[in-house]
Amino acid sequence: MKRFFTLLSLFFIVFQIPALSTTRVCSEKKDTLLLMNGKILAADVLDTVFHKVKVKYLKKRGKEKTIEIENDLIYSIRYKDGHEQIIYEQDTTTGNYFTAEETKMFIFGEQDAEKNYRCPGATIIGVVIGVGSAYMGNFLSLIPPFGYTALLLIPKVKIKYKDVSNPVYLNYDTYVMGFEKVARRKKILRSFIGGIGGLAAGLYTFFLFPNI
C-alpha cells in the first residue's frame, strides 16, 4: 500500500494533465459562422454556392487562409450587417432529423458543455487505476484503464445548473443531448489520459526504483 501511494504522489508531481479548452473566435468586423459542433468561426464569406461556403479567415499567427466548408458542417452565418442566414435544413434522408430550432438548442448544449463541464474525478480515478495497474507489470496492465474508460459510456451525465448558460434550455431534449455528447466525450478522454498516464508513470517508476 505504501508503494502504491508513493507512485501516485510521484505521478502528480511529475505529470500535469492540462484542461481542454475551446477558444471561440469572434469579431464584430467579420461574418461569423456557427458550426454544427458548436464552434464559432469569424471570417469573410466570399461565396455560398455548390453546397459549400468559401471563407477567408486569419490563422493564429495572423496569416490569411481561404477554405471551403461543406454546408452540412454549418448551422448558420451571421453577416456583418446583422442579418442571419440559416444554412441547416431539416432532411430525414440525410440524417437531419431535428428542426432548425431543435438543432440550435443541441448546439447550445455542446457549447455549454465545452465551456463549463469539468470532470476532475474521472481524471483522478483514471490515474489511481493506471498506477495500480502497473503492479501487473505486463500487457494485462492495459485492461483496467481501458475497462474504466469503457464503463463511462454507461452512466447518464449529470448536468449541473451552474454549467447551463440559461436554465430554460433544460426544457429542450436536444439541448440535453448536445450537452451530454460533449460532456461524455470529455469525461472519457480525461479518464483515458489519466489511466494511461498513471500506468506509464507507475511502470517508469518501477523501472527507476524497483525497491520502492
N, C-alpha and C. Protein backbone atom coordinates (compact mmCIF):
# COMPACT_ATOMS: atom_id res chain seq x y z
N MET A 1 0.83 -1.20 0.00
CA MET A 1 0.00 0.00 0.00
C MET A 1 0.86 1.26 0.00
N LYS A 2 1.95 1.24 0.79
CA LYS A 2 2.85 2.38 0.83
C LYS A 2 3.47 2.61 -0.53
N ARG A 3 3.79 1.51 -1.22
CA ARG A 3 4.38 1.61 -2.56
C ARG A 3 3.40 2.27 -3.53
N PHE A 4 2.13 1.90 -3.42
CA PHE A 4 1.10 2.45 -4.30
C PHE A 4 0.97 3.95 -4.14
N PHE A 5 0.86 4.43 -2.91
CA PHE A 5 0.69 5.86 -2.67
C PHE A 5 1.95 6.64 -3.03
N THR A 6 3.12 6.00 -2.92
CA THR A 6 4.36 6.66 -3.35
C THR A 6 4.33 6.91 -4.84
N LEU A 7 3.88 5.90 -5.61
CA LEU A 7 3.78 6.03 -7.06
C LEU A 7 2.77 7.10 -7.45
N LEU A 8 1.65 7.11 -6.72
CA LEU A 8 0.61 8.08 -7.02
C LEU A 8 1.10 9.50 -6.78
N SER A 9 1.84 9.70 -5.72
CA SER A 9 2.38 11.03 -5.41
C SER A 9 3.38 11.47 -6.47
N LEU A 10 4.22 10.54 -6.90
CA LEU A 10 5.20 10.86 -7.94
C LEU A 10 4.52 11.26 -9.23
N PHE A 11 3.39 10.61 -9.53
CA PHE A 11 2.68 10.95 -10.77
C PHE A 11 2.20 12.39 -10.76
N PHE A 12 1.59 12.80 -9.68
CA PHE A 12 1.04 14.15 -9.62
C PHE A 12 2.13 15.20 -9.56
N ILE A 13 3.30 14.83 -9.09
CA ILE A 13 4.41 15.78 -9.05
C ILE A 13 5.01 15.96 -10.43
N VAL A 14 5.18 14.83 -11.15
CA VAL A 14 5.89 14.87 -12.43
C VAL A 14 4.97 15.22 -13.59
N PHE A 15 3.71 14.74 -13.55
CA PHE A 15 2.81 14.91 -14.68
C PHE A 15 1.71 15.89 -14.33
N GLN A 16 1.42 16.78 -15.27
CA GLN A 16 0.29 17.69 -15.14
C GLN A 16 -0.55 17.50 -16.38
N ILE A 17 -1.83 17.22 -16.17
CA ILE A 17 -2.73 16.99 -17.30
C ILE A 17 -3.51 18.26 -17.55
N PRO A 18 -3.22 18.98 -18.60
CA PRO A 18 -3.90 20.25 -18.84
C PRO A 18 -5.35 20.06 -19.20
N ALA A 19 -6.16 21.04 -18.77
CA ALA A 19 -7.58 21.01 -19.11
C ALA A 19 -7.78 21.38 -20.56
N LEU A 20 -8.73 20.71 -21.20
CA LEU A 20 -9.05 21.03 -22.58
C LEU A 20 -9.90 22.27 -22.61
N SER A 21 -9.70 23.09 -23.60
CA SER A 21 -10.49 24.32 -23.69
C SER A 21 -10.85 24.59 -25.14
N THR A 22 -11.86 25.39 -25.30
CA THR A 22 -12.29 25.79 -26.63
C THR A 22 -12.22 27.30 -26.73
N THR A 23 -11.51 27.78 -27.74
CA THR A 23 -11.43 29.21 -27.95
C THR A 23 -12.44 29.60 -29.02
N ARG A 24 -13.35 30.49 -28.69
CA ARG A 24 -14.33 30.94 -29.65
C ARG A 24 -13.82 32.20 -30.33
N VAL A 25 -13.61 32.09 -31.62
CA VAL A 25 -13.09 33.21 -32.37
C VAL A 25 -14.25 34.07 -32.85
N CYS A 26 -14.25 35.33 -32.46
CA CYS A 26 -15.37 36.19 -32.82
C CYS A 26 -14.89 37.61 -33.05
N SER A 27 -15.49 38.28 -34.01
CA SER A 27 -15.11 39.66 -34.28
C SER A 27 -16.30 40.38 -34.89
N GLU A 28 -16.55 41.62 -34.44
CA GLU A 28 -17.67 42.40 -34.96
C GLU A 28 -17.44 42.81 -36.41
N LYS A 29 -16.20 42.84 -36.84
CA LYS A 29 -15.88 43.28 -38.20
C LYS A 29 -15.91 42.12 -39.19
N LYS A 30 -16.23 40.94 -38.73
CA LYS A 30 -16.24 39.77 -39.59
C LYS A 30 -17.63 39.15 -39.64
N ASP A 31 -17.87 38.35 -40.67
CA ASP A 31 -19.02 37.48 -40.66
C ASP A 31 -18.71 36.36 -39.67
N THR A 32 -19.72 35.78 -39.07
CA THR A 32 -19.46 34.69 -38.13
C THR A 32 -20.27 33.46 -38.52
N LEU A 33 -19.59 32.33 -38.53
CA LEU A 33 -20.22 31.06 -38.88
C LEU A 33 -20.40 30.24 -37.60
N LEU A 34 -21.64 29.82 -37.35
CA LEU A 34 -21.92 28.92 -36.24
C LEU A 34 -21.88 27.51 -36.80
N LEU A 35 -20.88 26.75 -36.39
CA LEU A 35 -20.70 25.40 -36.92
C LEU A 35 -21.52 24.38 -36.12
N MET A 36 -21.76 23.24 -36.73
CA MET A 36 -22.60 22.22 -36.11
C MET A 36 -21.97 21.63 -34.85
N ASN A 37 -20.66 21.74 -34.70
CA ASN A 37 -20.00 21.22 -33.50
C ASN A 37 -19.95 22.25 -32.37
N GLY A 38 -20.60 23.40 -32.58
CA GLY A 38 -20.65 24.42 -31.54
C GLY A 38 -19.60 25.49 -31.64
N LYS A 39 -18.61 25.29 -32.51
CA LYS A 39 -17.55 26.29 -32.66
C LYS A 39 -18.07 27.49 -33.46
N ILE A 40 -17.45 28.65 -33.23
CA ILE A 40 -17.80 29.86 -33.96
C ILE A 40 -16.56 30.34 -34.70
N LEU A 41 -16.69 30.56 -35.98
CA LEU A 41 -15.56 31.00 -36.80
C LEU A 41 -15.84 32.39 -37.34
N ALA A 42 -14.94 33.32 -37.05
CA ALA A 42 -15.03 34.67 -37.61
C ALA A 42 -14.25 34.69 -38.92
N ALA A 43 -14.92 35.11 -39.99
CA ALA A 43 -14.28 35.06 -41.31
C ALA A 43 -15.02 35.97 -42.27
N ASP A 44 -14.43 36.18 -43.42
CA ASP A 44 -15.09 36.90 -44.51
C ASP A 44 -15.68 35.86 -45.45
N VAL A 45 -17.00 35.88 -45.60
CA VAL A 45 -17.66 34.94 -46.51
C VAL A 45 -17.48 35.44 -47.94
N LEU A 46 -16.84 34.61 -48.77
CA LEU A 46 -16.54 35.01 -50.14
C LEU A 46 -17.58 34.49 -51.13
N ASP A 47 -18.14 33.30 -50.84
CA ASP A 47 -19.08 32.70 -51.78
C ASP A 47 -19.92 31.65 -51.06
N THR A 48 -21.13 31.42 -51.54
CA THR A 48 -22.01 30.39 -50.95
C THR A 48 -22.72 29.64 -52.07
N VAL A 49 -21.97 28.84 -52.81
CA VAL A 49 -22.55 28.08 -53.92
C VAL A 49 -22.07 26.64 -53.86
N PHE A 50 -22.81 25.77 -54.60
CA PHE A 50 -22.46 24.35 -54.71
C PHE A 50 -22.35 23.67 -53.34
N HIS A 51 -23.27 24.00 -52.44
CA HIS A 51 -23.36 23.36 -51.14
C HIS A 51 -22.09 23.54 -50.29
N LYS A 52 -21.40 24.62 -50.56
CA LYS A 52 -20.21 24.95 -49.79
C LYS A 52 -20.17 26.45 -49.52
N VAL A 53 -19.48 26.81 -48.45
CA VAL A 53 -19.27 28.23 -48.13
C VAL A 53 -17.78 28.50 -48.17
N LYS A 54 -17.40 29.41 -49.04
CA LYS A 54 -15.99 29.76 -49.17
C LYS A 54 -15.70 30.96 -48.28
N VAL A 55 -14.72 30.81 -47.38
CA VAL A 55 -14.42 31.88 -46.43
C VAL A 55 -12.91 32.15 -46.38
N LYS A 56 -12.61 33.35 -45.94
CA LYS A 56 -11.21 33.73 -45.70
C LYS A 56 -11.11 34.20 -44.26
N TYR A 57 -10.15 33.62 -43.52
CA TYR A 57 -10.01 33.96 -42.10
C TYR A 57 -8.54 34.06 -41.73
N LEU A 58 -8.31 34.63 -40.57
CA LEU A 58 -6.94 34.78 -40.09
C LEU A 58 -6.57 33.62 -39.17
N LYS A 59 -5.44 33.01 -39.42
CA LYS A 59 -4.95 31.94 -38.56
C LYS A 59 -4.31 32.58 -37.33
N LYS A 60 -3.89 31.74 -36.38
CA LYS A 60 -3.36 32.24 -35.12
C LYS A 60 -2.18 33.18 -35.31
N ARG A 61 -1.35 32.93 -36.27
CA ARG A 61 -0.16 33.76 -36.49
C ARG A 61 -0.42 34.95 -37.40
N GLY A 62 -1.71 35.20 -37.67
CA GLY A 62 -2.06 36.36 -38.47
C GLY A 62 -2.03 36.14 -39.96
N LYS A 63 -1.80 34.92 -40.40
CA LYS A 63 -1.75 34.62 -41.83
C LYS A 63 -3.14 34.29 -42.34
N GLU A 64 -3.52 34.87 -43.47
CA GLU A 64 -4.84 34.62 -44.03
C GLU A 64 -4.90 33.27 -44.73
N LYS A 65 -6.05 32.63 -44.60
CA LYS A 65 -6.24 31.33 -45.25
C LYS A 65 -7.65 31.27 -45.82
N THR A 66 -7.78 30.73 -47.02
CA THR A 66 -9.07 30.58 -47.67
C THR A 66 -9.43 29.11 -47.73
N ILE A 67 -10.62 28.78 -47.26
CA ILE A 67 -11.07 27.39 -47.26
C ILE A 67 -12.52 27.31 -47.70
N GLU A 68 -12.95 26.11 -48.05
CA GLU A 68 -14.36 25.86 -48.36
C GLU A 68 -14.91 24.90 -47.33
N ILE A 69 -16.07 25.24 -46.76
CA ILE A 69 -16.68 24.43 -45.73
C ILE A 69 -18.00 23.88 -46.25
N GLU A 70 -18.19 22.58 -46.11
CA GLU A 70 -19.44 21.94 -46.55
C GLU A 70 -20.62 22.50 -45.75
N ASN A 71 -21.73 22.69 -46.43
CA ASN A 71 -22.93 23.20 -45.76
C ASN A 71 -23.37 22.31 -44.60
N ASP A 72 -23.10 21.00 -44.71
CA ASP A 72 -23.50 20.07 -43.65
C ASP A 72 -22.82 20.37 -42.33
N LEU A 73 -21.71 21.10 -42.37
CA LEU A 73 -20.95 21.40 -41.16
C LEU A 73 -21.32 22.74 -40.55
N ILE A 74 -22.24 23.46 -41.21
CA ILE A 74 -22.58 24.82 -40.78
C ILE A 74 -24.05 24.90 -40.38
N TYR A 75 -24.32 25.56 -39.26
CA TYR A 75 -25.71 25.80 -38.87
C TYR A 75 -26.20 27.13 -39.46
N SER A 76 -25.41 28.19 -39.27
CA SER A 76 -25.86 29.50 -39.77
C SER A 76 -24.68 30.43 -40.00
N ILE A 77 -24.96 31.49 -40.74
CA ILE A 77 -23.99 32.56 -40.98
C ILE A 77 -24.62 33.87 -40.54
N ARG A 78 -23.93 34.59 -39.67
CA ARG A 78 -24.38 35.93 -39.30
C ARG A 78 -23.45 36.92 -39.99
N TYR A 79 -24.02 37.72 -40.87
CA TYR A 79 -23.22 38.65 -41.66
C TYR A 79 -22.93 39.94 -40.89
N LYS A 80 -22.01 40.69 -41.42
CA LYS A 80 -21.57 41.93 -40.76
C LYS A 80 -22.73 42.90 -40.54
N ASP A 81 -23.70 42.89 -41.44
CA ASP A 81 -24.82 43.84 -41.32
C ASP A 81 -25.86 43.39 -40.28
N GLY A 82 -25.63 42.20 -39.66
CA GLY A 82 -26.51 41.77 -38.59
C GLY A 82 -27.52 40.70 -38.96
N HIS A 83 -27.80 40.51 -40.25
CA HIS A 83 -28.80 39.50 -40.60
C HIS A 83 -28.18 38.11 -40.59
N GLU A 84 -29.03 37.12 -40.29
CA GLU A 84 -28.54 35.75 -40.15
C GLU A 84 -29.17 34.85 -41.22
N GLN A 85 -28.35 34.02 -41.81
CA GLN A 85 -28.81 33.05 -42.80
C GLN A 85 -28.67 31.64 -42.21
N ILE A 86 -29.79 30.95 -42.08
CA ILE A 86 -29.75 29.58 -41.56
C ILE A 86 -29.38 28.64 -42.71
N ILE A 87 -28.24 27.98 -42.57
CA ILE A 87 -27.77 27.04 -43.59
C ILE A 87 -28.37 25.66 -43.37
N TYR A 88 -28.54 25.30 -42.12
CA TYR A 88 -29.06 23.96 -41.78
C TYR A 88 -30.46 23.78 -42.33
N GLU A 89 -30.73 22.59 -42.85
CA GLU A 89 -32.06 22.24 -43.35
C GLU A 89 -32.46 20.88 -42.80
N GLN A 90 -33.67 20.79 -42.28
CA GLN A 90 -34.16 19.50 -41.80
C GLN A 90 -34.43 18.60 -43.00
N ASP A 91 -33.82 17.43 -42.97
CA ASP A 91 -33.97 16.48 -44.08
C ASP A 91 -33.68 15.08 -43.54
N THR A 92 -34.71 14.31 -43.30
CA THR A 92 -34.53 12.98 -42.70
C THR A 92 -33.73 12.04 -43.61
N THR A 93 -33.72 12.30 -44.91
CA THR A 93 -32.98 11.42 -45.83
C THR A 93 -31.48 11.57 -45.67
N THR A 94 -31.04 12.70 -45.11
CA THR A 94 -29.61 12.93 -44.90
C THR A 94 -29.21 12.82 -43.43
N GLY A 95 -30.18 12.44 -42.58
CA GLY A 95 -29.86 12.30 -41.16
C GLY A 95 -30.15 13.53 -40.33
N ASN A 96 -30.66 14.61 -40.96
CA ASN A 96 -31.01 15.83 -40.22
C ASN A 96 -32.45 15.72 -39.73
N TYR A 97 -32.63 15.02 -38.61
CA TYR A 97 -33.98 14.73 -38.11
C TYR A 97 -34.58 15.89 -37.33
N PHE A 98 -33.75 16.74 -36.76
CA PHE A 98 -34.25 17.83 -35.93
C PHE A 98 -34.64 19.04 -36.76
N THR A 99 -35.55 19.84 -36.20
CA THR A 99 -35.88 21.11 -36.82
C THR A 99 -34.72 22.08 -36.60
N ALA A 100 -34.76 23.23 -37.25
CA ALA A 100 -33.69 24.22 -37.09
C ALA A 100 -33.59 24.67 -35.63
N GLU A 101 -34.75 24.88 -34.98
CA GLU A 101 -34.76 25.32 -33.59
C GLU A 101 -34.20 24.24 -32.66
N GLU A 102 -34.58 22.99 -32.89
CA GLU A 102 -34.07 21.88 -32.08
C GLU A 102 -32.56 21.73 -32.25
N THR A 103 -32.10 21.90 -33.47
CA THR A 103 -30.67 21.79 -33.74
C THR A 103 -29.89 22.92 -33.06
N LYS A 104 -30.47 24.12 -33.08
CA LYS A 104 -29.81 25.25 -32.41
C LYS A 104 -29.65 24.96 -30.92
N MET A 105 -30.66 24.36 -30.29
CA MET A 105 -30.57 24.02 -28.88
C MET A 105 -29.53 22.94 -28.65
N PHE A 106 -29.42 22.01 -29.57
CA PHE A 106 -28.39 20.96 -29.49
C PHE A 106 -27.00 21.61 -29.48
N ILE A 107 -26.81 22.58 -30.35
CA ILE A 107 -25.52 23.28 -30.44
C ILE A 107 -25.26 24.07 -29.16
N PHE A 108 -26.29 24.71 -28.62
CA PHE A 108 -26.11 25.43 -27.35
C PHE A 108 -25.66 24.47 -26.24
N GLY A 109 -26.20 23.25 -26.26
CA GLY A 109 -25.79 22.26 -25.28
C GLY A 109 -24.33 21.89 -25.45
N GLU A 110 -23.90 21.72 -26.70
CA GLU A 110 -22.49 21.43 -26.98
C GLU A 110 -21.59 22.56 -26.46
N GLN A 111 -22.00 23.79 -26.72
CA GLN A 111 -21.19 24.94 -26.32
C GLN A 111 -21.06 25.04 -24.80
N ASP A 112 -22.18 24.85 -24.09
CA ASP A 112 -22.13 24.95 -22.62
C ASP A 112 -21.27 23.86 -22.01
N ALA A 113 -21.38 22.65 -22.55
CA ALA A 113 -20.57 21.55 -22.02
C ALA A 113 -19.09 21.77 -22.31
N GLU A 114 -18.79 22.27 -23.49
CA GLU A 114 -17.39 22.53 -23.85
C GLU A 114 -16.79 23.61 -22.96
N LYS A 115 -17.59 24.60 -22.64
CA LYS A 115 -17.10 25.74 -21.85
C LYS A 115 -17.10 25.46 -20.35
N ASN A 116 -18.13 24.79 -19.85
CA ASN A 116 -18.33 24.73 -18.40
C ASN A 116 -18.13 23.37 -17.74
N TYR A 117 -18.31 22.28 -18.48
CA TYR A 117 -18.29 20.96 -17.84
C TYR A 117 -16.88 20.57 -17.40
N ARG A 118 -16.77 20.17 -16.14
CA ARG A 118 -15.49 19.72 -15.59
C ARG A 118 -15.69 18.34 -14.98
N CYS A 119 -14.68 17.50 -15.11
CA CYS A 119 -14.78 16.14 -14.57
C CYS A 119 -13.44 15.71 -13.96
N PRO A 120 -12.96 16.42 -12.94
CA PRO A 120 -11.68 16.05 -12.33
C PRO A 120 -11.70 14.66 -11.73
N GLY A 121 -12.88 14.22 -11.26
CA GLY A 121 -12.97 12.90 -10.67
C GLY A 121 -12.58 11.80 -11.64
N ALA A 122 -12.99 11.95 -12.92
CA ALA A 122 -12.67 10.94 -13.93
C ALA A 122 -11.17 10.84 -14.13
N THR A 123 -10.49 11.99 -14.11
CA THR A 123 -9.04 12.01 -14.28
C THR A 123 -8.35 11.36 -13.09
N ILE A 124 -8.77 11.75 -11.89
CA ILE A 124 -8.13 11.23 -10.68
C ILE A 124 -8.31 9.72 -10.56
N ILE A 125 -9.54 9.25 -10.78
CA ILE A 125 -9.79 7.81 -10.71
C ILE A 125 -8.98 7.08 -11.78
N GLY A 126 -8.90 7.68 -12.97
CA GLY A 126 -8.11 7.08 -14.04
C GLY A 126 -6.65 6.95 -13.65
N VAL A 127 -6.11 7.99 -13.00
CA VAL A 127 -4.72 7.95 -12.54
C VAL A 127 -4.52 6.85 -11.51
N VAL A 128 -5.42 6.78 -10.53
CA VAL A 128 -5.31 5.77 -9.48
C VAL A 128 -5.35 4.37 -10.07
N ILE A 129 -6.29 4.13 -11.00
CA ILE A 129 -6.39 2.81 -11.63
C ILE A 129 -5.15 2.52 -12.46
N GLY A 130 -4.65 3.53 -13.18
CA GLY A 130 -3.46 3.33 -14.00
C GLY A 130 -2.24 2.98 -13.17
N VAL A 131 -2.04 3.74 -12.08
CA VAL A 131 -0.90 3.47 -11.21
C VAL A 131 -1.02 2.08 -10.59
N GLY A 132 -2.23 1.74 -10.15
CA GLY A 132 -2.44 0.42 -9.56
C GLY A 132 -2.19 -0.71 -10.55
N SER A 133 -2.55 -0.46 -11.83
CA SER A 133 -2.38 -1.48 -12.86
C SER A 133 -0.91 -1.78 -13.12
N ALA A 134 -0.06 -0.81 -12.81
CA ALA A 134 1.38 -1.00 -13.07
C ALA A 134 1.94 -2.17 -12.26
N TYR A 135 1.26 -2.57 -11.20
CA TYR A 135 1.72 -3.70 -10.39
C TYR A 135 1.79 -4.98 -11.21
N MET A 136 0.90 -5.10 -12.22
CA MET A 136 0.87 -6.33 -13.02
C MET A 136 2.16 -6.51 -13.81
N GLY A 137 2.68 -5.39 -14.32
CA GLY A 137 3.97 -5.44 -15.00
C GLY A 137 3.98 -6.14 -16.34
N ASN A 138 2.81 -6.33 -16.96
CA ASN A 138 2.76 -6.97 -18.28
C ASN A 138 1.63 -6.34 -19.09
N PHE A 139 1.31 -6.97 -20.24
CA PHE A 139 0.30 -6.38 -21.12
C PHE A 139 -1.08 -6.32 -20.48
N LEU A 140 -1.32 -7.13 -19.45
CA LEU A 140 -2.60 -7.10 -18.75
C LEU A 140 -2.82 -5.79 -18.01
N SER A 141 -1.73 -5.03 -17.84
CA SER A 141 -1.84 -3.74 -17.15
C SER A 141 -2.73 -2.77 -17.90
N LEU A 142 -2.92 -3.01 -19.21
CA LEU A 142 -3.75 -2.10 -20.01
C LEU A 142 -5.24 -2.31 -19.79
N ILE A 143 -5.62 -3.48 -19.28
CA ILE A 143 -7.03 -3.82 -19.16
C ILE A 143 -7.79 -2.89 -18.21
N PRO A 144 -7.33 -2.66 -16.96
CA PRO A 144 -8.09 -1.79 -16.05
C PRO A 144 -8.31 -0.37 -16.57
N PRO A 145 -7.26 0.33 -17.10
CA PRO A 145 -7.51 1.69 -17.61
C PRO A 145 -8.52 1.73 -18.74
N PHE A 146 -8.39 0.79 -19.68
CA PHE A 146 -9.34 0.75 -20.80
C PHE A 146 -10.73 0.34 -20.32
N GLY A 147 -10.78 -0.57 -19.35
CA GLY A 147 -12.05 -1.02 -18.81
C GLY A 147 -12.79 0.11 -18.13
N TYR A 148 -12.07 0.93 -17.34
CA TYR A 148 -12.70 2.05 -16.66
C TYR A 148 -13.23 3.07 -17.66
N THR A 149 -12.44 3.34 -18.70
CA THR A 149 -12.88 4.28 -19.73
C THR A 149 -14.15 3.79 -20.41
N ALA A 150 -14.21 2.48 -20.69
CA ALA A 150 -15.39 1.91 -21.35
C ALA A 150 -16.63 2.01 -20.45
N LEU A 151 -16.44 1.87 -19.15
CA LEU A 151 -17.57 1.93 -18.22
C LEU A 151 -18.23 3.30 -18.21
N LEU A 152 -17.46 4.34 -18.54
CA LEU A 152 -18.00 5.70 -18.52
C LEU A 152 -19.01 5.95 -19.64
N LEU A 153 -19.12 5.01 -20.57
CA LEU A 153 -20.11 5.13 -21.64
C LEU A 153 -21.51 4.83 -21.13
N ILE A 154 -21.60 4.16 -19.97
CA ILE A 154 -22.89 3.68 -19.47
C ILE A 154 -23.67 4.73 -18.69
N PRO A 155 -23.10 5.31 -17.62
CA PRO A 155 -23.92 6.20 -16.78
C PRO A 155 -24.34 7.48 -17.49
N LYS A 156 -25.49 8.00 -17.07
CA LYS A 156 -26.00 9.25 -17.63
C LYS A 156 -25.21 10.43 -17.07
N VAL A 157 -24.95 11.40 -17.90
CA VAL A 157 -24.21 12.58 -17.47
C VAL A 157 -25.12 13.48 -16.64
N LYS A 158 -24.65 13.89 -15.49
CA LYS A 158 -25.43 14.78 -14.63
C LYS A 158 -25.11 16.23 -14.98
N ILE A 159 -26.13 16.98 -15.36
CA ILE A 159 -25.95 18.38 -15.75
C ILE A 159 -26.23 19.27 -14.54
N LYS A 160 -25.26 20.08 -14.18
CA LYS A 160 -25.43 20.99 -13.04
C LYS A 160 -25.93 22.35 -13.54
N TYR A 161 -26.77 22.98 -12.74
CA TYR A 161 -27.35 24.27 -13.13
C TYR A 161 -26.27 25.31 -13.39
N LYS A 162 -25.18 25.25 -12.66
CA LYS A 162 -24.12 26.24 -12.82
C LYS A 162 -23.41 26.11 -14.15
N ASP A 163 -23.56 24.96 -14.81
CA ASP A 163 -22.93 24.74 -16.11
C ASP A 163 -23.81 25.14 -17.28
N VAL A 164 -25.05 25.56 -16.97
CA VAL A 164 -26.02 25.90 -18.02
C VAL A 164 -26.12 27.41 -18.15
N SER A 165 -25.96 27.93 -19.35
CA SER A 165 -26.00 29.37 -19.56
C SER A 165 -27.40 29.94 -19.38
N ASN A 166 -28.42 29.14 -19.63
CA ASN A 166 -29.81 29.57 -19.44
C ASN A 166 -30.62 28.36 -18.98
N PRO A 167 -31.16 28.38 -17.75
CA PRO A 167 -31.91 27.22 -17.22
C PRO A 167 -33.08 26.79 -18.11
N VAL A 168 -33.61 27.71 -18.88
CA VAL A 168 -34.74 27.39 -19.76
C VAL A 168 -34.33 26.34 -20.78
N TYR A 169 -33.06 26.32 -21.13
CA TYR A 169 -32.58 25.36 -22.13
C TYR A 169 -32.80 23.91 -21.70
N LEU A 170 -32.85 23.67 -20.40
CA LEU A 170 -33.03 22.31 -19.90
C LEU A 170 -34.39 21.73 -20.25
N ASN A 171 -35.30 22.57 -20.71
CA ASN A 171 -36.62 22.11 -21.14
C ASN A 171 -36.57 21.49 -22.53
N TYR A 172 -35.44 21.63 -23.20
CA TYR A 172 -35.29 21.10 -24.56
C TYR A 172 -34.47 19.81 -24.53
N ASP A 173 -35.05 18.75 -25.03
CA ASP A 173 -34.35 17.46 -25.05
C ASP A 173 -33.08 17.53 -25.88
N THR A 174 -33.11 18.28 -26.96
CA THR A 174 -31.93 18.34 -27.82
C THR A 174 -30.78 19.09 -27.15
N TYR A 175 -31.11 20.06 -26.29
CA TYR A 175 -30.05 20.74 -25.53
C TYR A 175 -29.34 19.74 -24.63
N VAL A 176 -30.13 18.93 -23.93
CA VAL A 176 -29.56 17.92 -23.04
C VAL A 176 -28.71 16.93 -23.83
N MET A 177 -29.18 16.54 -25.00
CA MET A 177 -28.44 15.61 -25.85
C MET A 177 -27.10 16.20 -26.27
N GLY A 178 -27.10 17.47 -26.66
CA GLY A 178 -25.86 18.12 -27.07
C GLY A 178 -24.88 18.25 -25.92
N PHE A 179 -25.40 18.60 -24.75
CA PHE A 179 -24.55 18.73 -23.56
C PHE A 179 -23.94 17.38 -23.21
N GLU A 180 -24.78 16.34 -23.17
CA GLU A 180 -24.29 15.00 -22.80
C GLU A 180 -23.26 14.49 -23.79
N LYS A 181 -23.44 14.78 -25.06
CA LYS A 181 -22.50 14.31 -26.08
C LYS A 181 -21.09 14.82 -25.79
N VAL A 182 -20.96 16.12 -25.58
CA VAL A 182 -19.64 16.72 -25.34
C VAL A 182 -19.11 16.35 -23.96
N ALA A 183 -20.00 16.36 -22.95
CA ALA A 183 -19.58 16.03 -21.58
C ALA A 183 -19.04 14.61 -21.50
N ARG A 184 -19.72 13.68 -22.13
CA ARG A 184 -19.26 12.28 -22.10
C ARG A 184 -17.92 12.14 -22.84
N ARG A 185 -17.79 12.84 -23.94
CA ARG A 185 -16.52 12.79 -24.68
C ARG A 185 -15.37 13.30 -23.82
N LYS A 186 -15.60 14.42 -23.12
CA LYS A 186 -14.57 14.98 -22.25
C LYS A 186 -14.24 14.03 -21.11
N LYS A 187 -15.27 13.43 -20.54
CA LYS A 187 -15.09 12.51 -19.41
C LYS A 187 -14.25 11.30 -19.83
N ILE A 188 -14.58 10.74 -20.98
CA ILE A 188 -13.85 9.57 -21.47
C ILE A 188 -12.40 9.93 -21.78
N LEU A 189 -12.20 11.07 -22.42
CA LEU A 189 -10.85 11.48 -22.77
C LEU A 189 -9.99 11.70 -21.52
N ARG A 190 -10.57 12.38 -20.52
CA ARG A 190 -9.82 12.66 -19.29
C ARG A 190 -9.46 11.36 -18.57
N SER A 191 -10.42 10.43 -18.50
CA SER A 191 -10.15 9.17 -17.81
C SER A 191 -9.09 8.37 -18.54
N PHE A 192 -9.13 8.41 -19.88
CA PHE A 192 -8.14 7.68 -20.67
C PHE A 192 -6.74 8.28 -20.46
N ILE A 193 -6.65 9.60 -20.52
CA ILE A 193 -5.37 10.26 -20.30
C ILE A 193 -4.84 9.96 -18.90
N GLY A 194 -5.74 10.05 -17.91
CA GLY A 194 -5.34 9.76 -16.54
C GLY A 194 -4.88 8.32 -16.37
N GLY A 195 -5.63 7.38 -16.95
CA GLY A 195 -5.30 5.97 -16.81
C GLY A 195 -3.98 5.61 -17.47
N ILE A 196 -3.81 6.02 -18.72
CA ILE A 196 -2.57 5.71 -19.43
C ILE A 196 -1.39 6.46 -18.82
N GLY A 197 -1.63 7.72 -18.42
CA GLY A 197 -0.56 8.49 -17.79
C GLY A 197 -0.13 7.86 -16.47
N GLY A 198 -1.12 7.42 -15.67
CA GLY A 198 -0.80 6.78 -14.40
C GLY A 198 -0.06 5.48 -14.60
N LEU A 199 -0.48 4.71 -15.59
CA LEU A 199 0.19 3.44 -15.90
C LEU A 199 1.63 3.68 -16.32
N ALA A 200 1.82 4.66 -17.22
CA ALA A 200 3.17 4.97 -17.68
C ALA A 200 4.07 5.43 -16.54
N ALA A 201 3.50 6.29 -15.67
CA ALA A 201 4.28 6.78 -14.54
C ALA A 201 4.63 5.64 -13.59
N GLY A 202 3.68 4.74 -13.37
CA GLY A 202 3.93 3.61 -12.49
C GLY A 202 5.01 2.70 -13.02
N LEU A 203 4.90 2.33 -14.30
CA LEU A 203 5.90 1.45 -14.90
C LEU A 203 7.28 2.10 -14.92
N TYR A 204 7.32 3.39 -15.22
CA TYR A 204 8.59 4.10 -15.27
C TYR A 204 9.22 4.17 -13.87
N THR A 205 8.36 4.40 -12.88
CA THR A 205 8.86 4.48 -11.51
C THR A 205 9.38 3.12 -11.04
N PHE A 206 8.68 2.04 -11.42
CA PHE A 206 9.15 0.70 -11.07
C PHE A 206 10.53 0.44 -11.68
N PHE A 207 10.70 0.96 -12.91
CA PHE A 207 11.97 0.75 -13.58
C PHE A 207 13.10 1.50 -12.89
N LEU A 208 12.80 2.73 -12.46
CA LEU A 208 13.85 3.54 -11.80
C LEU A 208 14.08 3.13 -10.36
N PHE A 209 12.97 2.79 -9.67
CA PHE A 209 13.07 2.46 -8.24
C PHE A 209 12.44 1.11 -7.98
N PRO A 210 13.07 0.04 -8.38
CA PRO A 210 12.49 -1.31 -8.24
C PRO A 210 12.29 -1.72 -6.80
N ASN A 211 12.93 -1.05 -5.86
CA ASN A 211 12.81 -1.45 -4.45
C ASN A 211 11.83 -0.60 -3.66
N ILE A 212 11.05 0.27 -4.34
CA ILE A 212 10.09 1.11 -3.61
C ILE A 212 9.07 0.23 -2.89
